[in-house]
Structure formats: structure tokens, C-alpha cells
Amino acid sequence: MRVSDVLSLLAAGASEQEIVEDYPYLTSEDVRACLHYAAAQADHTIVRAS
């Protein structure tokens, strides 16, 4: 399962627990890792040209 799949489930309103129950090969730690990855991808420096 891709990170984007987990994020889409969360965005659609699925809870961490629901995802883990529906996809038993995932753990709560996996779901949190997806969130951490997404946060890291969104955190970048913005450089403004003068």
C-alpha cells in the first residue's frame, strides 16, 4: 500500500484504528509514519527572488 493510499483514507475520514483493522498488514506505527512522511514532504524552504 502506498503512502498516498493511507493519506487518502485518512482524508476521507477513516481513523487510524479503522485502517489497521481493514488492512491487517499495517500497524498504527505505519499509519503515523505516513503522516510523518507527508509532513516532511510539505516542509520545505521557500526562496524568494529579489
C-alpha atoms as a PDB file:
ATOM      1  CA  MET A   1       0.000   0.000   0.000  1.00  0.00           C
ATOM      2  CA  ARG A   2       1.299   3.427  -0.934  1.00  0.00           C
ATOM      3  CA  VAL A   3       1.643   6.345   1.460  1.00  0.00           C
ATOM      4  CA  SER A   4      -0.843   8.239  -0.699  1.00  0.00           C
ATOM      5  CA  ASP A   5      -3.394   5.435  -0.209  1.00  0.00           C
ATOM      6  CA  VAL A   6      -3.151   5.723   3.569  1.00  0.00           C
ATOM      7  CA  LEU A   7      -3.343   9.517   3.398  1.00  0.00           C
ATOM      8  CA  SER A   8      -6.404   9.303   1.157  1.00  0.00           C
ATOM      9  CA  LEU A   9      -8.125   7.026   3.650  1.00  0.00           C
ATOM     10  CA  LEU A  10      -7.349   9.440   6.478  1.00  0.00           C
ATOM     11  CA  ALA A  11      -8.545  12.404   4.402  1.00  0.00           C
ATOM     12  CA  ALA A  12     -11.800  10.551   3.697  1.00  0.00           C
ATOM     13  CA  GLY A  13     -12.407  10.261   7.437  1.00  0.00           C
ATOM     14  CA  ALA A  14     -11.071   6.798   8.257  1.00  0.00           C
ATOM     15  CA  SER A  15      -9.499   6.555  11.682  1.00  0.00           C
ATOM     16  CA  GLU A  16      -6.108   5.040  12.345  1.00  0.00           C
ATOM     17  CA  GLN A  17      -7.845   2.130  14.052  1.00  0.00           C
ATOM     18  CA  GLU A  18     -10.173   1.525  11.100  1.00  0.00           C
ATOM     19  CA  ILE A  19      -7.255   1.446   8.680  1.00  0.00           C
ATOM     20  CA  VAL A  20      -5.321  -1.023  10.830  1.00  0.00           C
ATOM     21  CA  GLU A  21      -8.418  -3.236  11.150  1.00  0.00           C
ATOM     22  CA  ASP A  22      -9.140  -3.141   7.398  1.00  0.00           C
ATOM     23  CA  TYR A  23      -5.502  -3.685   6.400  1.00  0.00           C
ATOM     24  CA  PRO A  24      -4.022  -6.090   8.969  1.00  0.00           C
ATOM     25  CA  TYR A  25      -0.549  -5.903   7.437  1.00  0.00           C
ATOM     26  CA  LEU A  26      -0.394  -2.252   8.585  1.00  0.00           C
ATOM     27  CA  THR A  27       0.270  -1.132  12.141  1.00  0.00           C
ATOM     28  CA  SER A  28      -0.607   2.095  13.916  1.00  0.00           C
ATOM     29  CA  GLU A  29       3.064   2.973  13.628  1.00  0.00           C
ATOM     30  CA  ASP A  30       2.838   2.574   9.844  1.00  0.00           C
ATOM     31  CA  VAL A  31      -0.089   5.000   9.661  1.00  0.00           C
ATOM     32  CA  ARG A  32       1.747   7.555  11.810  1.00  0.00           C
ATOM     33  CA  ALA A  33       4.840   7.101   9.623  1.00  0.00           C
ATOM     34  CA  CYS A  34       2.733   8.047   6.596  1.00  0.00           C
ATOM     35  CA  LEU A  35       1.665  11.246   8.332  1.00  0.00           C
ATOM     36  CA  HIS A  36       5.240  11.992   9.305  1.00  0.00           C
ATOM     37  CA  TYR A  37       6.383  11.445   5.712  1.00  0.00           C
ATOM     38  CA  ALA A  38       3.664  13.745   4.370  1.00  0.00           C
ATOM     39  CA  ALA A  39       4.588  16.453   6.869  1.00  0.00           C
ATOM     40  CA  ALA A  40       8.255  16.202   5.927  1.00  0.00           C
ATOM     41  CA  GLN A  41       7.401  16.473   2.213  1.00  0.00           C
ATOM     42  CA  ALA A  42       5.329  19.595   2.817  1.00  0.00           C
ATOM     43  CA  ASP A  43       8.070  21.245   4.882  1.00  0.00           C
ATOM     44  CA  HIS A  44      10.498  22.943   2.542  1.00  0.00           C
ATOM     45  CA  THR A  45      12.245  26.255   2.365  1.00  0.00           C
ATOM     46  CA  ILE A  46      10.765  28.895   0.153  1.00  0.00           C
ATOM     47  CA  VAL A  47      13.329  31.144  -1.526  1.00  0.00           C
ATOM     48  CA  ARG A  48      12.107  34.457  -2.867  1.00  0.00           C
ATOM     49  CA  ALA A  49      13.873  36.109  -5.750  1.00  0.00           C
ATOM     50  CA  SER A  50      14.654  39.787  -5.177  1.00  0.00           C
END
